[in-house]
Amino acid sequence: HTFSFSDTDRALVLLEEYCKKLRKPEEQQLKKAIRKVMGIFKSSLFQALLGSFAKKATRHGTISQPSLPAAVVYDVPGYPKD
């Protein structure tokens, strides 16, 4: 199983639903961090990397799903760290 666009869309829906439940003042920092991740998922850079990753995975067989988020979400150049 490779990480696909539909997986990203599903993750965005789940993150949005989770964000709606974060209402307490102490949860606002977490909500902000989740919104930043959602912004990364929606970015053209992430989508381009996802497309490139999917092409390589198709050529070389399946690659484990956790390797993409770890490589992309936490190390996307151009996104400021808090």
PDB file of N, CA and C in Angstrom:
ATOM      1  N   HIS A   1       0.851  -1.193   0.000  1.00  0.00           N
ATOM      2  CA  HIS A   1       0.000   0.000   0.000  1.00  0.00           C
ATOM      3  C   HIS A   1       0.884   1.240   0.000  1.00  0.00           C
ATOM      4  N   THR A   2       0.682   2.113  -0.945  1.00  0.00           N
ATOM      5  CA  THR A   2       1.429   3.358  -0.974  1.00  0.00           C
ATOM      6  C   THR A   2       0.545   4.490  -0.491  1.00  0.00           C
ATOM      7  N   PHE A   3       1.168   5.557  -0.035  1.00  0.00           N
ATOM      8  CA  PHE A   3       0.459   6.730   0.461  1.00  0.00           C
ATOM      9  C   PHE A   3      -0.070   7.494  -0.744  1.00  0.00           C
ATOM     10  N   SER A   4      -1.387   7.694  -0.822  1.00  0.00           N
ATOM     11  CA  SER A   4      -1.980   8.319  -2.000  1.00  0.00           C
ATOM     12  C   SER A   4      -2.697   9.609  -1.653  1.00  0.00           C
ATOM     13  N   PHE A   5      -3.181  10.289  -2.690  1.00  0.00           N
ATOM     14  CA  PHE A   5      -3.921  11.528  -2.492  1.00  0.00           C
ATOM     15  C   PHE A   5      -5.162  11.293  -1.649  1.00  0.00           C
ATOM     16  N   SER A   6      -5.858  10.161  -1.837  1.00  0.00           N
ATOM     17  CA  SER A   6      -7.055   9.889  -1.052  1.00  0.00           C
ATOM     18  C   SER A   6      -6.693   9.687   0.420  1.00  0.00           C
ATOM     19  N   ASP A   7      -5.515   9.125   0.703  1.00  0.00           N
ATOM     20  CA  ASP A   7      -5.055   8.998   2.086  1.00  0.00           C
ATOM     21  C   ASP A   7      -4.855  10.379   2.705  1.00  0.00           C
ATOM     22  N   THR A   8      -4.307  11.305   1.927  1.00  0.00           N
ATOM     23  CA  THR A   8      -4.090  12.670   2.408  1.00  0.00           C
ATOM     24  C   THR A   8      -5.420  13.343   2.690  1.00  0.00           C
ATOM     25  N   ASP A   9      -6.369  13.207   1.779  1.00  0.00           N
ATOM     26  CA  ASP A   9      -7.692  13.797   1.974  1.00  0.00           C
ATOM     27  C   ASP A   9      -8.363  13.244   3.219  1.00  0.00           C
ATOM     28  N   ARG A  10      -8.257  11.944   3.410  1.00  0.00           N
ATOM     29  CA  ARG A  10      -8.837  11.300   4.589  1.00  0.00           C
ATOM     30  C   ARG A  10      -8.194  11.825   5.863  1.00  0.00           C
ATOM     31  N   ALA A  11      -6.880  11.988   5.839  1.00  0.00           N
ATOM     32  CA  ALA A  11      -6.161  12.516   7.006  1.00  0.00           C
ATOM     33  C   ALA A  11      -6.604  13.941   7.309  1.00  0.00           C
ATOM     34  N   LEU A  12      -6.796  14.752   6.283  1.00  0.00           N
ATOM     35  CA  LEU A  12      -7.237  16.134   6.479  1.00  0.00           C
ATOM     36  C   LEU A  12      -8.622  16.190   7.116  1.00  0.00           C
ATOM     37  N   VAL A  13      -9.524  15.333   6.673  1.00  0.00           N
ATOM     38  CA  VAL A  13     -10.871  15.284   7.247  1.00  0.00           C
ATOM     39  C   VAL A  13     -10.800  14.902   8.723  1.00  0.00           C
ATOM     40  N   LEU A  14     -10.008  13.890   9.035  1.00  0.00           N
ATOM     41  CA  LEU A  14      -9.883  13.448  10.428  1.00  0.00           C
ATOM     42  C   LEU A  14      -9.246  14.520  11.307  1.00  0.00           C
ATOM     43  N   LEU A  15      -8.222  15.184  10.787  1.00  0.00           N
ATOM     44  CA  LEU A  15      -7.581  16.256  11.556  1.00  0.00           C
ATOM     45  C   LEU A  15      -8.542  17.415  11.793  1.00  0.00           C
ATOM     46  N   GLU A  16      -9.341  17.755  10.788  1.00  0.00           N
ATOM     47  CA  GLU A  16     -10.327  18.837  10.928  1.00  0.00           C
ATOM     48  C   GLU A  16     -11.359  18.485  11.992  1.00  0.00           C
ATOM     49  N   GLU A  17     -11.839  17.252  11.972  1.00  0.00           N
ATOM     50  CA  GLU A  17     -12.813  16.805  12.980  1.00  0.00           C
ATOM     51  C   GLU A  17     -12.208  16.867  14.376  1.00  0.00           C
ATOM     52  N   TYR A  18     -10.960  16.454  14.499  1.00  0.00           N
ATOM     53  CA  TYR A  18     -10.281  16.484  15.801  1.00  0.00           C
ATOM     54  C   TYR A  18     -10.107  17.927  16.283  1.00  0.00           C
ATOM     55  N   CYS A  19      -9.752  18.834  15.371  1.00  0.00           N
ATOM     56  CA  CYS A  19      -9.559  20.238  15.729  1.00  0.00           C
ATOM     57  C   CYS A  19     -10.835  20.851  16.296  1.00  0.00           C
ATOM     58  N   LYS A  20     -11.974  20.456  15.756  1.00  0.00           N
ATOM     59  CA  LYS A  20     -13.258  20.992  16.221  1.00  0.00           C
ATOM     60  C   LYS A  20     -13.519  20.638  17.688  1.00  0.00           C
ATOM     61  N   LYS A  21     -12.915  19.552  18.150  1.00  0.00           N
ATOM     62  CA  LYS A  21     -13.106  19.107  19.535  1.00  0.00           C
ATOM     63  C   LYS A  21     -12.167  19.815  20.515  1.00  0.00           C
ATOM     64  N   LEU A  22     -11.162  20.513  19.995  1.00  0.00           N
ATOM     65  CA  LEU A  22     -10.185  21.186  20.850  1.00  0.00           C
ATOM     66  C   LEU A  22     -10.681  22.586  21.181  1.00  0.00           C
ATOM     67  N   ARG A  23     -11.331  22.727  22.337  1.00  0.00           N
ATOM     68  CA  ARG A  23     -11.936  24.012  22.704  1.00  0.00           C
ATOM     69  C   ARG A  23     -11.324  24.622  23.955  1.00  0.00           C
ATOM     70  N   LYS A  24     -10.675  23.813  24.772  1.00  0.00           N
ATOM     71  CA  LYS A  24     -10.106  24.320  26.022  1.00  0.00           C
ATOM     72  C   LYS A  24      -8.901  25.215  25.738  1.00  0.00           C
ATOM     73  N   PRO A  25      -8.668  26.213  26.591  1.00  0.00           N
ATOM     74  CA  PRO A  25      -7.515  27.102  26.374  1.00  0.00           C
ATOM     75  C   PRO A  25      -6.183  26.359  26.289  1.00  0.00           C
ATOM     76  N   GLU A  26      -6.020  25.323  27.097  1.00  0.00           N
ATOM     77  CA  GLU A  26      -4.753  24.581  27.097  1.00  0.00           C
ATOM     78  C   GLU A  26      -4.583  23.718  25.843  1.00  0.00           C
ATOM     79  N   GLU A  27      -5.639  23.561  25.061  1.00  0.00           N
ATOM     80  CA  GLU A  27      -5.565  22.768  23.830  1.00  0.00           C
ATOM     81  C   GLU A  27      -5.285  23.617  22.587  1.00  0.00           C
ATOM     82  N   GLN A  28      -5.232  24.924  22.750  1.00  0.00           N
ATOM     83  CA  GLN A  28      -5.081  25.806  21.593  1.00  0.00           C
ATOM     84  C   GLN A  28      -3.721  25.679  20.915  1.00  0.00           C
ATOM     85  N   GLN A  29      -2.664  25.402  21.690  1.00  0.00           N
ATOM     86  CA  GLN A  29      -1.334  25.204  21.090  1.00  0.00           C
ATOM     87  C   GLN A  29      -1.331  23.954  20.213  1.00  0.00           C
ATOM     88  N   LEU A  30      -1.973  22.899  20.689  1.00  0.00           N
ATOM     89  CA  LEU A  30      -2.091  21.669  19.901  1.00  0.00           C
ATOM     90  C   LEU A  30      -2.905  21.934  18.636  1.00  0.00           C
ATOM     91  N   LYS A  31      -3.986  22.680  18.777  1.00  0.00           N
ATOM     92  CA  LYS A  31      -4.831  23.015  17.631  1.00  0.00           C
ATOM     93  C   LYS A  31      -4.026  23.790  16.584  1.00  0.00           C
ATOM     94  N   LYS A  32      -3.206  24.717  17.034  1.00  0.00           N
ATOM     95  CA  LYS A  32      -2.369  25.505  16.132  1.00  0.00           C
ATOM     96  C   LYS A  32      -1.382  24.597  15.382  1.00  0.00           C
ATOM     97  N   ALA A  33      -0.782  23.653  16.101  1.00  0.00           N
ATOM     98  CA  ALA A  33       0.173  22.724  15.482  1.00  0.00           C
ATOM     99  C   ALA A  33      -0.518  21.835  14.444  1.00  0.00           C
ATOM    100  N   ILE A  34      -1.719  21.374  14.764  1.00  0.00           N
ATOM    101  CA  ILE A  34      -2.459  20.523  13.828  1.00  0.00           C
ATOM    102  C   ILE A  34      -2.822  21.313  12.575  1.00  0.00           C
ATOM    103  N   ARG A  35      -3.238  22.569  12.759  1.00  0.00           N
ATOM    104  CA  ARG A  35      -3.568  23.418  11.598  1.00  0.00           C
ATOM    105  C   ARG A  35      -2.338  23.637  10.715  1.00  0.00           C
ATOM    106  N   LYS A  36      -1.156  23.733  11.321  1.00  0.00           N
ATOM    107  CA  LYS A  36       0.077  23.894  10.545  1.00  0.00           C
ATOM    108  C   LYS A  36       0.341  22.636   9.712  1.00  0.00           C
ATOM    109  N   VAL A  37       0.150  21.466  10.307  1.00  0.00           N
ATOM    110  CA  VAL A  37       0.317  20.207   9.579  1.00  0.00           C
ATOM    111  C   VAL A  37      -0.687  20.131   8.431  1.00  0.00           C
ATOM    112  N   MET A  38      -1.924  20.569   8.690  1.00  0.00           N
ATOM    113  CA  MET A  38      -2.951  20.560   7.642  1.00  0.00           C
ATOM    114  C   MET A  38      -2.541  21.483   6.494  1.00  0.00           C
ATOM    115  N   GLY A  39      -1.958  22.616   6.820  1.00  0.00           N
ATOM    116  CA  GLY A  39      -1.472  23.532   5.791  1.00  0.00           C
ATOM    117  C   GLY A  39      -0.379  22.907   4.944  1.00  0.00           C
ATOM    118  N   ILE A  40       0.491  22.139   5.595  1.00  0.00           N
ATOM    119  CA  ILE A  40       1.553  21.438   4.871  1.00  0.00           C
ATOM    120  C   ILE A  40       0.948  20.395   3.927  1.00  0.00           C
ATOM    121  N   PHE A  41      -0.030  19.630   4.432  1.00  0.00           N
ATOM    122  CA  PHE A  41      -0.684  18.618   3.591  1.00  0.00           C
ATOM    123  C   PHE A  41      -1.316  19.250   2.361  1.00  0.00           C
ATOM    124  N   LYS A  42      -1.840  20.474   2.497  1.00  0.00           N
ATOM    125  CA  LYS A  42      -2.522  21.148   1.388  1.00  0.00           C
ATOM    126  C   LYS A  42      -1.556  21.879   0.456  1.00  0.00           C
ATOM    127  N   SER A  43      -0.304  22.029   0.872  1.00  0.00           N
ATOM    128  CA  SER A  43       0.651  22.806   0.085  1.00  0.00           C
ATOM    129  C   SER A  43       1.009  22.118  -1.229  1.00  0.00           C
ATOM    130  N   SER A  44       1.348  22.942  -2.220  1.00  0.00           N
ATOM    131  CA  SER A  44       1.738  22.399  -3.525  1.00  0.00           C
ATOM    132  C   SER A  44       3.052  21.618  -3.424  1.00  0.00           C
ATOM    133  N   LEU A  45       3.954  22.039  -2.520  1.00  0.00           N
ATOM    134  CA  LEU A  45       5.212  21.318  -2.336  1.00  0.00           C
ATOM    135  C   LEU A  45       4.953  19.902  -1.843  1.00  0.00           C
ATOM    136  N   PHE A  46       4.091  19.758  -0.838  1.00  0.00           N
ATOM    137  CA  PHE A  46       3.767  18.436  -0.307  1.00  0.00           C
ATOM    138  C   PHE A  46       3.122  17.580  -1.390  1.00  0.00           C
ATOM    139  N   GLN A  47       2.175  18.166  -2.141  1.00  0.00           N
ATOM    140  CA  GLN A  47       1.495  17.405  -3.193  1.00  0.00           C
ATOM    141  C   GLN A  47       2.487  16.956  -4.265  1.00  0.00           C
ATOM    142  N   ALA A  48       3.447  17.816  -4.589  1.00  0.00           N
ATOM    143  CA  ALA A  48       4.469  17.448  -5.580  1.00  0.00           C
ATOM    144  C   ALA A  48       5.344  16.312  -5.051  1.00  0.00           C
ATOM    145  N   LEU A  49       5.756  16.417  -3.785  1.00  0.00           N
ATOM    146  CA  LEU A  49       6.565  15.349  -3.187  1.00  0.00           C
ATOM    147  C   LEU A  49       5.780  14.052  -3.112  1.00  0.00           C
ATOM    148  N   LEU A  50       4.507  14.154  -2.787  1.00  0.00           N
ATOM    149  CA  LEU A  50       3.646  12.981  -2.710  1.00  0.00           C
ATOM    150  C   LEU A  50       3.541  12.301  -4.074  1.00  0.00           C
ATOM    151  N   GLY A  51       3.376  13.109  -5.130  1.00  0.00           N
ATOM    152  CA  GLY A  51       3.312  12.560  -6.482  1.00  0.00           C
ATOM    153  C   GLY A  51       4.609  11.876  -6.876  1.00  0.00           C
ATOM    154  N   SER A  52       5.743  12.501  -6.532  1.00  0.00           N
ATOM    155  CA  SER A  52       7.057  11.924  -6.829  1.00  0.00           C
ATOM    156  C   SER A  52       7.252  10.621  -6.067  1.00  0.00           C
ATOM    157  N   PHE A  53       6.856  10.616  -4.804  1.00  0.00           N
ATOM    158  CA  PHE A  53       6.972   9.425  -3.965  1.00  0.00           C
ATOM    159  C   PHE A  53       6.127   8.289  -4.528  1.00  0.00           C
ATOM    160  N   ALA A  54       4.900   8.615  -4.964  1.00  0.00           N
ATOM    161  CA  ALA A  54       4.003   7.593  -5.510  1.00  0.00           C
ATOM    162  C   ALA A  54       4.586   6.974  -6.774  1.00  0.00           C
ATOM    163  N   LYS A  55       5.209   7.801  -7.630  1.00  0.00           N
ATOM    164  CA  LYS A  55       5.822   7.279  -8.857  1.00  0.00           C
ATOM    165  C   LYS A  55       6.966   6.333  -8.534  1.00  0.00           C
ATOM    166  N   LYS A  56       7.817   6.718  -7.567  1.00  0.00           N
ATOM    167  CA  LYS A  56       8.942   5.850  -7.184  1.00  0.00           C
ATOM    168  C   LYS A  56       8.446   4.557  -6.569  1.00  0.00           C
ATOM    169  N   ALA A  57       7.408   4.652  -5.723  1.00  0.00           N
ATOM    170  CA  ALA A  57       6.863   3.455  -5.075  1.00  0.00           C
ATOM    171  C   ALA A  57       6.292   2.503  -6.120  1.00  0.00           C
ATOM    172  N   THR A  58       5.662   3.046  -7.143  1.00  0.00           N
ATOM    173  CA  THR A  58       5.087   2.222  -8.209  1.00  0.00           C
ATOM    174  C   THR A  58       6.187   1.511  -8.998  1.00  0.00           C
ATOM    175  N   ARG A  59       7.275   2.237  -9.267  1.00  0.00           N
ATOM    176  CA  ARG A  59       8.390   1.640 -10.020  1.00  0.00           C
ATOM    177  C   ARG A  59       9.133   0.572  -9.222  1.00  0.00           C
ATOM    178  N   HIS A  60       9.285   0.790  -7.919  1.00  0.00           N
ATOM    179  CA  HIS A  60      10.123  -0.091  -7.096  1.00  0.00           C
ATOM    180  C   HIS A  60       9.329  -1.011  -6.182  1.00  0.00           C
ATOM    181  N   GLY A  61       8.034  -1.126  -6.376  1.00  0.00           N
ATOM    182  CA  GLY A  61       7.215  -1.926  -5.486  1.00  0.00           C
ATOM    183  C   GLY A  61       6.712  -1.057  -4.342  1.00  0.00           C
ATOM    184  N   THR A  62       6.006  -1.644  -3.408  1.00  0.00           N
ATOM    185  CA  THR A  62       5.410  -0.837  -2.335  1.00  0.00           C
ATOM    186  C   THR A  62       6.444  -0.462  -1.283  1.00  0.00           C
ATOM    187  N   ILE A  63       6.247   0.707  -0.724  1.00  0.00           N
ATOM    188  CA  ILE A  63       7.106   1.229   0.346  1.00  0.00           C
ATOM    189  C   ILE A  63       6.215   1.438   1.549  1.00  0.00           C
ATOM    190  N   SER A  64       6.704   1.154   2.736  1.00  0.00           N
ATOM    191  CA  SER A  64       5.860   1.255   3.922  1.00  0.00           C
ATOM    192  C   SER A  64       5.322   2.667   4.101  1.00  0.00           C
ATOM    193  N   GLN A  65       4.052   2.760   4.481  1.00  0.00           N
ATOM    194  CA  GLN A  65       3.343   4.036   4.594  1.00  0.00           C
ATOM    195  C   GLN A  65       3.986   5.031   5.559  1.00  0.00           C
ATOM    196  N   PRO A  66       4.482   4.642   6.741  1.00  0.00           N
ATOM    197  CA  PRO A  66       5.032   5.638   7.667  1.00  0.00           C
ATOM    198  C   PRO A  66       6.250   6.396   7.145  1.00  0.00           C
ATOM    199  N   SER A  67       6.948   5.861   6.148  1.00  0.00           N
ATOM    200  CA  SER A  67       8.164   6.536   5.695  1.00  0.00           C
ATOM    201  C   SER A  67       7.887   7.887   5.053  1.00  0.00           C
ATOM    202  N   LEU A  68       6.725   8.086   4.419  1.00  0.00           N
ATOM    203  CA  LEU A  68       6.448   9.379   3.789  1.00  0.00           C
ATOM    204  C   LEU A  68       6.166  10.471   4.814  1.00  0.00           C
ATOM    205  N   PRO A  69       5.226  10.289   5.742  1.00  0.00           N
ATOM    206  CA  PRO A  69       4.977  11.377   6.688  1.00  0.00           C
ATOM    207  C   PRO A  69       6.212  11.754   7.499  1.00  0.00           C
ATOM    208  N   ALA A  70       6.995  10.772   7.906  1.00  0.00           N
ATOM    209  CA  ALA A  70       8.190  11.086   8.690  1.00  0.00           C
ATOM    210  C   ALA A  70       9.173  11.909   7.877  1.00  0.00           C
ATOM    211  N   ALA A  71       9.305  11.592   6.598  1.00  0.00           N
ATOM    212  CA  ALA A  71      10.272  12.291   5.750  1.00  0.00           C
ATOM    213  C   ALA A  71       9.778  13.658   5.323  1.00  0.00           C
ATOM    214  N   VAL A  72       8.492  13.800   5.104  1.00  0.00           N
ATOM    215  CA  VAL A  72       7.969  15.028   4.520  1.00  0.00           C
ATOM    216  C   VAL A  72       7.407  15.992   5.561  1.00  0.00           C
ATOM    217  N   VAL A  73       6.542  15.508   6.429  1.00  0.00           N
ATOM    218  CA  VAL A  73       5.832  16.404   7.349  1.00  0.00           C
ATOM    219  C   VAL A  73       6.783  17.133   8.285  1.00  0.00           C
ATOM    220  N   TYR A  74       7.817  16.466   8.752  1.00  0.00           N
ATOM    221  CA  TYR A  74       8.682  17.089   9.741  1.00  0.00           C
ATOM    222  C   TYR A  74       9.883  17.806   9.155  1.00  0.00           C
ATOM    223  N   ASP A  75      10.157  17.619   7.881  1.00  0.00           N
ATOM    224  CA  ASP A  75      11.364  18.207   7.292  1.00  0.00           C
ATOM    225  C   ASP A  75      11.080  19.001   6.018  1.00  0.00           C
ATOM    226  N   VAL A  76       9.896  19.601   5.932  1.00  0.00           N
ATOM    227  CA  VAL A  76       9.565  20.363   4.732  1.00  0.00           C
ATOM    228  C   VAL A  76      10.289  21.696   4.783  1.00  0.00           C
ATOM    229  N   PRO A  77      11.169  21.965   3.814  1.00  0.00           N
ATOM    230  CA  PRO A  77      11.883  23.245   3.807  1.00  0.00           C
ATOM    231  C   PRO A  77      10.915  24.385   3.560  1.00  0.00           C
ATOM    232  N   GLY A  78      11.195  25.522   4.184  1.00  0.00           N
ATOM    233  CA  GLY A  78      10.356  26.692   3.973  1.00  0.00           C
ATOM    234  C   GLY A  78       9.273  26.877   5.008  1.00  0.00           C
ATOM    235  N   TYR A  79       9.084  25.895   5.882  1.00  0.00           N
ATOM    236  CA  TYR A  79       8.095  26.044   6.939  1.00  0.00           C
ATOM    237  C   TYR A  79       8.817  26.312   8.240  1.00  0.00           C
ATOM    238  N   PRO A  80       8.512  27.446   8.884  1.00  0.00           N
ATOM    239  CA  PRO A  80       9.204  27.813  10.119  1.00  0.00           C
ATOM    240  C   PRO A  80       8.883  26.852  11.258  1.00  0.00           C
ATOM    241  N   LYS A  81       9.871  26.583  12.051  1.00  0.00           N
ATOM    242  CA  LYS A  81       9.657  25.740  13.236  1.00  0.00           C
ATOM    243  C   LYS A  81       9.253  26.654  14.395  1.00  0.00           C
ATOM    244  N   ASP A  82       8.361  26.181  15.256  1.00  0.00           N
ATOM    245  CA  ASP A  82       7.934  26.975  16.429  1.00  0.00           C
ATOM    246  C   ASP A  82       9.025  27.047  17.470  1.00  0.00           C
TER     247      ASP A  82
END
